[in-house]
N, C-alpha and C. Protein backbone atom coordinates (compact mmCIF):
# COMPACT_ATOMS: atom_id res chain seq x y z
N MET A 1 8.36 18.76 -36.38
CA MET A 1 8.44 18.75 -34.59
C MET A 1 9.84 17.93 -34.67
N ILE A 2 10.58 18.85 -33.74
CA ILE A 2 12.13 18.66 -33.52
C ILE A 2 11.43 17.64 -32.19
N GLY A 3 10.88 17.43 -31.53
CA GLY A 3 10.97 16.94 -30.29
C GLY A 3 9.84 16.89 -29.48
N ARG A 4 9.56 15.84 -28.74
CA ARG A 4 8.59 15.62 -28.01
C ARG A 4 8.92 15.88 -26.07
N LEU A 5 8.10 16.82 -25.39
CA LEU A 5 7.81 16.72 -24.07
C LEU A 5 8.40 15.16 -23.14
N HIS A 6 8.59 15.93 -22.46
CA HIS A 6 9.25 14.69 -21.23
C HIS A 6 8.43 14.99 -20.61
N HIS A 7 9.01 15.90 -19.44
CA HIS A 7 8.71 16.13 -18.45
C HIS A 7 8.65 17.56 -18.36
N VAL A 8 7.52 17.86 -17.36
CA VAL A 8 7.52 19.66 -16.81
C VAL A 8 8.03 19.48 -15.28
N ILE A 9 9.41 20.37 -15.41
CA ILE A 9 10.11 19.70 -13.84
C ILE A 9 10.35 21.06 -12.89
N LEU A 10 9.49 20.72 -12.35
CA LEU A 10 10.07 21.79 -10.73
C LEU A 10 11.29 21.96 -10.03
N ASP A 11 11.62 22.79 -9.37
CA ASP A 11 12.68 22.47 -8.29
C ASP A 11 12.33 22.71 -7.33
N CYS A 12 12.55 22.25 -5.97
CA CYS A 12 11.90 22.26 -4.91
C CYS A 12 13.40 21.94 -4.00
N PRO A 13 12.63 22.00 -2.67
CA PRO A 13 13.61 21.53 -1.66
C PRO A 13 13.55 20.33 -1.24
N ASP A 14 12.38 19.54 -1.76
CA ASP A 14 12.42 17.79 -1.28
C ASP A 14 11.17 17.26 -2.21
N PRO A 15 12.11 16.70 -3.23
CA PRO A 15 10.95 16.76 -4.25
C PRO A 15 9.91 15.38 -3.93
N ALA A 16 10.62 14.60 -2.76
CA ALA A 16 9.28 13.03 -2.66
C ALA A 16 8.30 13.72 -1.98
N ALA A 17 8.47 14.78 -0.61
CA ALA A 17 7.49 14.93 -0.81
C ALA A 17 6.07 16.08 -1.58
N LEU A 18 7.03 16.26 -2.70
CA LEU A 18 6.00 17.33 -3.33
C LEU A 18 5.55 16.90 -4.27
N ALA A 19 6.58 15.42 -4.53
CA ALA A 19 5.83 14.56 -5.66
C ALA A 19 4.65 13.80 -5.54
N GLU A 20 4.53 13.70 -3.50
CA GLU A 20 3.95 12.86 -2.83
C GLU A 20 1.96 13.78 -3.27
N PHE A 21 2.55 15.32 -2.89
CA PHE A 21 1.38 15.91 -3.09
C PHE A 21 0.80 16.62 -3.93
N TYR A 22 2.08 16.22 -5.77
CA TYR A 22 1.09 16.35 -6.42
C TYR A 22 -0.21 14.85 -6.53
N SER A 23 0.94 13.39 -6.52
CA SER A 23 0.36 12.37 -6.76
C SER A 23 -1.36 12.13 -6.07
N ALA A 24 -1.32 13.04 -5.01
CA ALA A 24 -2.51 13.05 -4.50
C ALA A 24 -3.51 13.60 -5.31
N LEU A 25 -3.06 15.04 -5.27
CA LEU A 25 -3.75 15.52 -5.92
C LEU A 25 -4.58 15.94 -7.45
N LEU A 26 -3.54 14.74 -8.06
CA LEU A 26 -3.68 14.89 -9.96
C LEU A 26 -4.20 13.52 -9.65
N GLY A 27 -4.16 12.08 -8.45
CA GLY A 27 -4.56 11.26 -8.64
C GLY A 27 -4.07 10.72 -9.39
N LEU A 28 -2.57 10.56 -9.34
CA LEU A 28 -1.06 9.67 -10.80
C LEU A 28 0.08 9.08 -9.65
N PRO A 29 0.19 8.10 -10.00
CA PRO A 29 0.99 7.27 -9.22
C PRO A 29 2.72 8.27 -9.00
N VAL A 30 3.37 7.86 -7.85
CA VAL A 30 5.13 7.81 -8.67
C VAL A 30 5.33 7.23 -9.31
N THR A 31 5.74 7.06 -10.41
CA THR A 31 6.90 6.36 -11.46
C THR A 31 7.97 6.66 -11.43
N TYR A 32 8.72 7.04 -10.69
CA TYR A 32 10.29 7.47 -10.64
C TYR A 32 10.72 7.62 -9.84
N ARG A 33 11.64 7.35 -8.89
CA ARG A 33 12.42 7.90 -7.82
C ARG A 33 13.61 7.75 -7.19
N SER A 34 14.27 8.71 -7.20
CA SER A 34 15.94 9.08 -6.68
C SER A 34 15.78 9.51 -5.78
N ALA A 35 17.30 10.23 -4.76
CA ALA A 35 17.03 10.95 -3.82
C ALA A 35 17.00 12.80 -4.43
N ASP A 36 16.64 12.44 -5.49
CA ASP A 36 17.34 14.02 -5.73
C ASP A 36 16.48 14.05 -7.13
N PHE A 37 15.53 13.80 -7.43
CA PHE A 37 13.99 13.80 -8.96
C PHE A 37 13.12 12.73 -8.21
N VAL A 38 12.24 12.92 -8.42
CA VAL A 38 10.84 11.86 -8.75
C VAL A 38 9.88 12.16 -9.77
N VAL A 39 9.53 11.76 -10.29
CA VAL A 39 8.31 11.32 -11.54
C VAL A 39 7.30 11.51 -10.98
N VAL A 40 5.68 11.88 -11.56
CA VAL A 40 4.50 11.43 -10.94
C VAL A 40 3.95 11.49 -12.59
N SER A 41 3.54 10.67 -12.81
CA SER A 41 2.73 9.99 -14.04
C SER A 41 1.63 9.11 -14.75
N ARG A 42 1.30 9.32 -15.43
CA ARG A 42 0.33 7.87 -15.80
C ARG A 42 0.74 6.33 -15.84
N ASN A 43 2.16 6.54 -16.19
CA ASN A 43 2.58 5.24 -15.62
C ASN A 43 4.48 5.71 -16.28
N ASP A 44 5.29 4.43 -16.04
CA ASP A 44 6.83 4.97 -16.58
C ASP A 44 6.92 4.54 -17.97
N THR A 45 6.35 5.14 -18.53
CA THR A 45 5.91 5.16 -20.08
C THR A 45 5.56 6.74 -20.18
N THR A 46 4.95 7.08 -19.27
CA THR A 46 4.15 8.35 -20.01
C THR A 46 5.20 9.45 -19.26
N SER A 47 4.94 10.94 -19.99
CA SER A 47 5.64 12.03 -19.62
C SER A 47 4.60 12.84 -18.15
N GLY A 48 5.53 13.08 -17.43
CA GLY A 48 4.64 13.44 -16.46
C GLY A 48 5.70 15.26 -15.79
N ILE A 49 4.64 15.09 -14.32
CA ILE A 49 5.71 16.08 -14.04
C ILE A 49 6.60 15.63 -12.96
N ALA A 50 7.86 15.71 -12.84
CA ALA A 50 8.76 15.33 -12.27
C ALA A 50 9.61 16.94 -11.18
N PHE A 51 10.14 16.24 -10.41
CA PHE A 51 10.33 17.62 -8.64
C PHE A 51 11.54 17.02 -8.46
N GLN A 52 12.60 18.36 -8.89
CA GLN A 52 14.24 18.03 -8.67
C GLN A 52 14.60 18.68 -7.33
N LEU A 53 15.59 17.95 -6.75
CA LEU A 53 15.85 18.69 -5.37
C LEU A 53 16.83 20.55 -6.17
N ALA A 54 16.73 21.49 -5.63
CA ALA A 54 17.60 22.21 -5.08
C ALA A 54 17.76 23.39 -4.05
N PRO A 55 18.93 22.23 -3.36
CA PRO A 55 19.41 23.58 -2.71
C PRO A 55 18.90 24.95 -2.20
N GLY A 56 18.64 25.07 -1.31
CA GLY A 56 18.58 26.81 -1.00
C GLY A 56 17.23 27.34 -1.78
N HIS A 57 16.18 26.42 -2.39
CA HIS A 57 15.06 26.85 -3.48
C HIS A 57 14.44 27.93 -2.69
N ARG A 58 14.19 28.66 -2.87
CA ARG A 58 13.72 30.25 -2.83
C ARG A 58 11.66 29.94 -4.14
N PRO A 59 11.51 30.02 -3.58
CA PRO A 59 9.77 29.96 -3.61
C PRO A 59 9.11 31.56 -3.95
N PRO A 60 7.86 31.17 -5.73
CA PRO A 60 7.84 31.80 -6.14
C PRO A 60 7.03 33.20 -4.68
N ARG A 61 6.99 34.50 -4.95
CA ARG A 61 6.04 35.24 -4.43
C ARG A 61 5.28 35.71 -4.85
N TRP A 62 4.24 34.84 -5.37
CA TRP A 62 2.63 35.38 -5.79
C TRP A 62 1.74 36.29 -5.07
N PRO A 63 1.11 37.28 -5.74
CA PRO A 63 1.37 37.62 -6.70
C PRO A 63 2.76 39.25 -6.71
N ASP A 64 3.63 39.25 -5.82
CA ASP A 64 4.55 39.88 -6.37
C ASP A 64 5.56 40.27 -7.09
N PRO A 65 5.28 40.87 -8.01
CA PRO A 65 5.81 40.94 -9.27
C PRO A 65 7.86 41.05 -9.13
N ALA A 66 8.23 41.25 -7.68
CA ALA A 66 9.46 41.28 -7.44
C ALA A 66 9.56 39.78 -7.67
N GLY A 67 9.30 38.92 -6.99
CA GLY A 67 9.76 37.09 -7.06
C GLY A 67 8.59 36.46 -8.19
N PRO A 68 8.07 36.80 -9.47
CA PRO A 68 7.45 36.24 -10.44
C PRO A 68 7.34 34.68 -10.11
N GLN A 69 5.93 34.20 -10.62
CA GLN A 69 5.37 32.78 -10.41
C GLN A 69 6.63 31.55 -10.81
N GLN A 70 6.84 31.72 -12.12
CA GLN A 70 7.76 31.66 -12.78
C GLN A 70 6.76 30.27 -14.01
N ILE A 71 5.86 29.11 -12.88
CA ILE A 71 5.37 28.81 -13.59
C ILE A 71 3.94 28.13 -13.06
N HIS A 72 2.74 27.79 -13.26
CA HIS A 72 1.82 27.44 -12.72
C HIS A 72 1.22 26.78 -13.41
N PHE A 73 0.24 25.66 -12.40
CA PHE A 73 -0.60 24.11 -13.12
C PHE A 73 -2.14 25.51 -12.74
N ASP A 74 -3.04 24.53 -13.70
CA ASP A 74 -4.73 24.39 -13.56
C ASP A 74 -5.11 23.69 -13.82
N VAL A 75 -5.56 23.36 -12.64
CA VAL A 75 -6.21 22.03 -12.04
C VAL A 75 -7.51 21.71 -12.25
N MET A 76 -8.14 21.37 -13.29
CA MET A 76 -9.28 21.32 -13.48
C MET A 76 -10.48 20.32 -12.67
N VAL A 77 -11.22 20.92 -12.34
CA VAL A 77 -12.17 20.14 -10.27
C VAL A 77 -13.41 20.18 -11.33
N ASP A 78 -14.42 18.91 -10.16
CA ASP A 78 -15.45 19.14 -10.85
C ASP A 78 -15.99 20.01 -10.03
N ASP A 79 -15.76 20.12 -8.98
CA ASP A 79 -16.92 21.04 -8.11
C ASP A 79 -15.46 21.69 -7.03
N LEU A 80 -15.39 22.80 -7.29
CA LEU A 80 -14.57 24.87 -6.98
C LEU A 80 -15.63 23.94 -4.50
N GLY A 81 -16.15 23.57 -4.64
CA GLY A 81 -16.59 23.68 -3.08
C GLY A 81 -15.80 22.45 -2.48
N GLN A 82 -15.78 21.39 -3.24
CA GLN A 82 -15.48 20.11 -2.83
C GLN A 82 -13.77 19.89 -2.91
N ALA A 83 -13.15 20.78 -4.27
CA ALA A 83 -11.96 20.78 -4.08
C ALA A 83 -11.00 21.34 -3.22
N ALA A 84 -11.63 22.97 -2.74
CA ALA A 84 -10.71 23.79 -2.39
C ALA A 84 -10.51 22.70 -1.14
N PRO A 85 -10.99 22.50 0.46
CA PRO A 85 -11.18 22.44 1.37
C PRO A 85 -10.16 20.86 1.32
N ALA A 86 -10.29 20.07 -0.19
CA ALA A 86 -9.42 19.52 -0.50
C ALA A 86 -7.97 19.37 -0.55
N VAL A 87 -7.53 20.39 -1.43
CA VAL A 87 -6.26 20.31 -1.28
C VAL A 87 -5.83 21.44 -0.38
N LEU A 88 -6.49 22.10 0.96
CA LEU A 88 -5.30 22.89 1.81
C LEU A 88 -5.57 21.17 2.87
N ALA A 89 -6.46 20.28 2.60
CA ALA A 89 -6.43 19.32 3.87
C ALA A 89 -4.97 18.41 2.83
N LEU A 90 -4.29 18.71 2.03
CA LEU A 90 -3.31 18.16 1.32
C LEU A 90 -2.25 19.21 1.64
N GLY A 91 -2.20 19.81 2.00
CA GLY A 91 -0.71 21.02 2.62
C GLY A 91 -1.39 22.04 1.71
N ALA A 92 -2.46 22.43 0.82
CA ALA A 92 -1.91 23.19 -0.14
C ALA A 92 -2.15 24.52 1.06
N THR A 93 -1.40 26.04 0.90
CA THR A 93 -2.00 27.20 1.02
C THR A 93 -2.97 27.80 0.00
N GLU A 94 -3.65 28.61 0.63
CA GLU A 94 -4.44 29.80 -0.17
C GLU A 94 -3.79 31.22 -0.01
N LEU A 95 -3.72 31.76 -1.27
CA LEU A 95 -2.86 32.30 -1.85
C LEU A 95 -3.87 33.97 -1.85
N SER A 96 -3.57 35.42 -1.14
CA SER A 96 -4.54 36.24 -1.55
C SER A 96 -4.89 36.49 -2.68
N GLY A 97 -5.53 37.15 -2.92
CA GLY A 97 -5.66 38.09 -4.04
C GLY A 97 -6.82 37.59 -4.95
N ARG A 98 -6.47 36.36 -4.80
CA ARG A 98 -7.68 35.79 -6.61
C ARG A 98 -8.39 34.78 -5.68
N THR A 99 -9.18 34.58 -6.39
CA THR A 99 -9.98 33.22 -5.68
C THR A 99 -9.60 31.97 -6.35
N HIS A 100 -9.84 30.80 -5.44
CA HIS A 100 -9.24 29.48 -6.16
C HIS A 100 -7.43 29.52 -6.55
N VAL A 101 -7.09 30.15 -5.79
CA VAL A 101 -5.46 30.60 -6.31
C VAL A 101 -4.70 30.12 -5.31
N TYR A 102 -3.95 28.59 -5.25
CA TYR A 102 -3.17 28.62 -4.04
C TYR A 102 -1.97 28.14 -3.72
N ALA A 103 -0.46 28.14 -2.90
CA ALA A 103 0.67 27.69 -3.32
C ALA A 103 0.75 26.30 -3.28
N ASP A 104 1.41 25.13 -3.40
CA ASP A 104 1.66 24.01 -3.39
C ASP A 104 2.98 23.41 -1.33
N PRO A 105 3.42 22.65 -1.29
CA PRO A 105 3.71 22.96 -0.18
C PRO A 105 5.43 23.53 -0.11
N ALA A 106 5.86 23.34 -1.25
CA ALA A 106 6.90 23.91 -1.87
C ALA A 106 6.84 25.75 -2.70
N GLY A 107 5.55 25.88 -2.64
CA GLY A 107 5.34 27.40 -2.85
C GLY A 107 4.62 27.97 -4.32
N HIS A 108 5.36 26.78 -4.93
CA HIS A 108 4.43 26.71 -6.55
C HIS A 108 2.90 26.92 -6.36
N PRO A 109 2.54 28.05 -7.27
CA PRO A 109 1.33 28.35 -6.75
C PRO A 109 0.61 27.32 -8.51
N PHE A 110 -0.91 27.76 -8.39
CA PHE A 110 -1.73 26.91 -9.20
C PHE A 110 -2.95 26.89 -8.61
N CYS A 111 -3.69 26.75 -9.97
CA CYS A 111 -5.65 27.08 -9.48
C CYS A 111 -6.37 26.28 -9.70
N LEU A 112 -7.69 25.96 -9.27
CA LEU A 112 -8.90 25.18 -9.22
C LEU A 112 -8.96 26.36 -10.67
N ILE A 113 -9.32 25.75 -10.91
CA ILE A 113 -11.17 26.04 -12.49
C ILE A 113 -11.54 24.55 -12.78
N ASN A 114 -12.62 25.41 -13.02
CA ASN A 114 -14.07 24.94 -12.74
C ASN A 114 -14.23 23.33 -14.25
N ARG A 115 -14.39 22.63 -14.38
CA ARG A 115 -14.59 21.81 -15.79
C ARG A 115 -14.54 22.29 -16.99
N PRO A 116 -13.76 22.11 -17.66
CA PRO A 116 -14.87 23.04 -19.15
C PRO A 116 -15.97 22.25 -19.16
N SER A 117 -16.32 22.53 -20.00
CA SER A 117 -18.01 21.51 -20.52
C SER A 117 -16.80 20.31 -21.60
N TRP A 118 -16.08 20.66 -22.73
CA TRP A 118 -15.73 19.69 -23.48
C TRP A 118 -14.67 19.09 -22.67
N ALA A 119 -13.64 18.98 -21.72
CA ALA A 119 -14.31 17.73 -21.20
C ALA A 119 -14.66 17.05 -20.21
N PRO A 120 -14.32 15.56 -20.08
CA PRO A 120 -14.46 14.34 -19.64
C PRO A 120 -14.55 14.51 -18.00
N PRO A 121 -15.63 14.01 -16.79
CA PRO A 121 -16.06 14.69 -15.73
C PRO A 121 -14.77 14.03 -14.97
N VAL A 122 -14.33 14.71 -13.80
CA VAL A 122 -12.13 14.42 -13.43
C VAL A 122 -12.93 13.08 -12.88
N ARG A 123 -14.09 13.52 -11.56
CA ARG A 123 -13.94 12.27 -11.39
C ARG A 123 -15.18 11.66 -11.96
N PRO A 124 -15.75 10.53 -12.42
CA PRO A 124 -16.71 9.75 -13.41
C PRO A 124 -17.40 9.73 -11.91
N GLU A 125 -19.19 9.19 -12.09
CA GLU A 125 -19.61 8.76 -11.02
C GLU A 125 -19.24 7.55 -10.06
N ARG A 126 -19.03 6.24 -11.56
CA ARG A 126 -18.38 5.16 -11.13
C ARG A 126 -17.27 5.46 -9.56
N ASP A 127 -16.46 5.92 -9.99
CA ASP A 127 -15.19 6.30 -8.74
C ASP A 127 -15.41 7.11 -7.75
N ASP A 128 -16.91 7.78 -7.67
CA ASP A 128 -17.98 8.16 -5.97
C ASP A 128 -17.53 7.17 -5.43
N PRO A 129 -17.12 7.63 -4.34
CA PRO A 129 -17.93 6.34 -3.08
C PRO A 129 -18.88 6.19 -2.81
N PRO A 130 -19.56 5.19 -2.16
CA PRO A 130 -20.95 5.18 -1.85
C PRO A 130 -21.60 6.05 -0.87
N PRO A 131 -22.54 5.88 -1.30
CA PRO A 131 -23.10 6.90 0.04
C PRO A 131 -23.06 6.70 1.81
N ALA A 132 -23.23 7.49 2.77
CA ALA A 132 -23.04 7.38 4.24
C ALA A 132 -23.49 6.17 4.35
N ASP A 133 -24.90 6.09 3.88
CA ASP A 133 -26.37 4.88 5.28
C ASP A 133 -25.76 3.82 4.15
N ALA A 134 -25.09 3.89 2.45
CA ALA A 134 -25.48 2.51 2.21
C ALA A 134 -25.24 1.31 2.63
N SER A 135 -23.97 0.84 3.59
CA SER A 135 -23.81 0.11 4.70
C SER A 135 -24.89 0.11 5.52
N SER A 136 -25.92 0.62 5.30
CA SER A 136 -26.84 0.48 6.56
C SER A 136 -27.88 -0.26 6.43
N SER A 137 -28.01 -0.34 5.10
CA SER A 137 -29.06 -0.63 4.11
C SER A 137 -29.57 -2.35 4.27
N ALA A 138 -30.62 -2.92 4.00
CA ALA A 138 -31.26 -4.04 4.67
C ALA A 138 -31.34 -4.73 3.07
N GLY A 139 -31.23 -3.96 1.97
CA GLY A 139 -31.18 -4.18 0.65
C GLY A 139 -32.16 -3.77 -0.11
N PRO A 140 -32.78 -4.46 -1.18
CA PRO A 140 -33.59 -4.09 -2.05
C PRO A 140 -35.25 -4.19 -1.05
N ARG A 141 -35.78 -2.80 -1.44
CA ARG A 141 -37.43 -3.03 -0.31
C ARG A 141 -38.28 -3.57 -1.24
């Protein structure tokens, strides 16, 4: 081994805004912030995704081969039907041509994929919100 991955870094026009998007999408905190560089990772001692200011940034034009995608993320989810409207609400844009392919607010493509059987649940049941009628319950019957 020669080295170890530190961060995957995406060029973008607004590092803080794109970091907030991915923080919400992945459930990870922003762990470092400067005027032109922001990091999202599990904590401040782990590798993560970084966002670097790129004045004049030109986003990929997927699926146009004249403007290749450059990089994309596969984001595993427990339920594609629930995840799709959630990423749109965060500011993603659905890209035409394929199902479950989106662009982040800076134009980088990403895919939502069903969680593989070998992976633990993305949202363990203990993290799920209580049912809507739980607050109106009078207790055990």
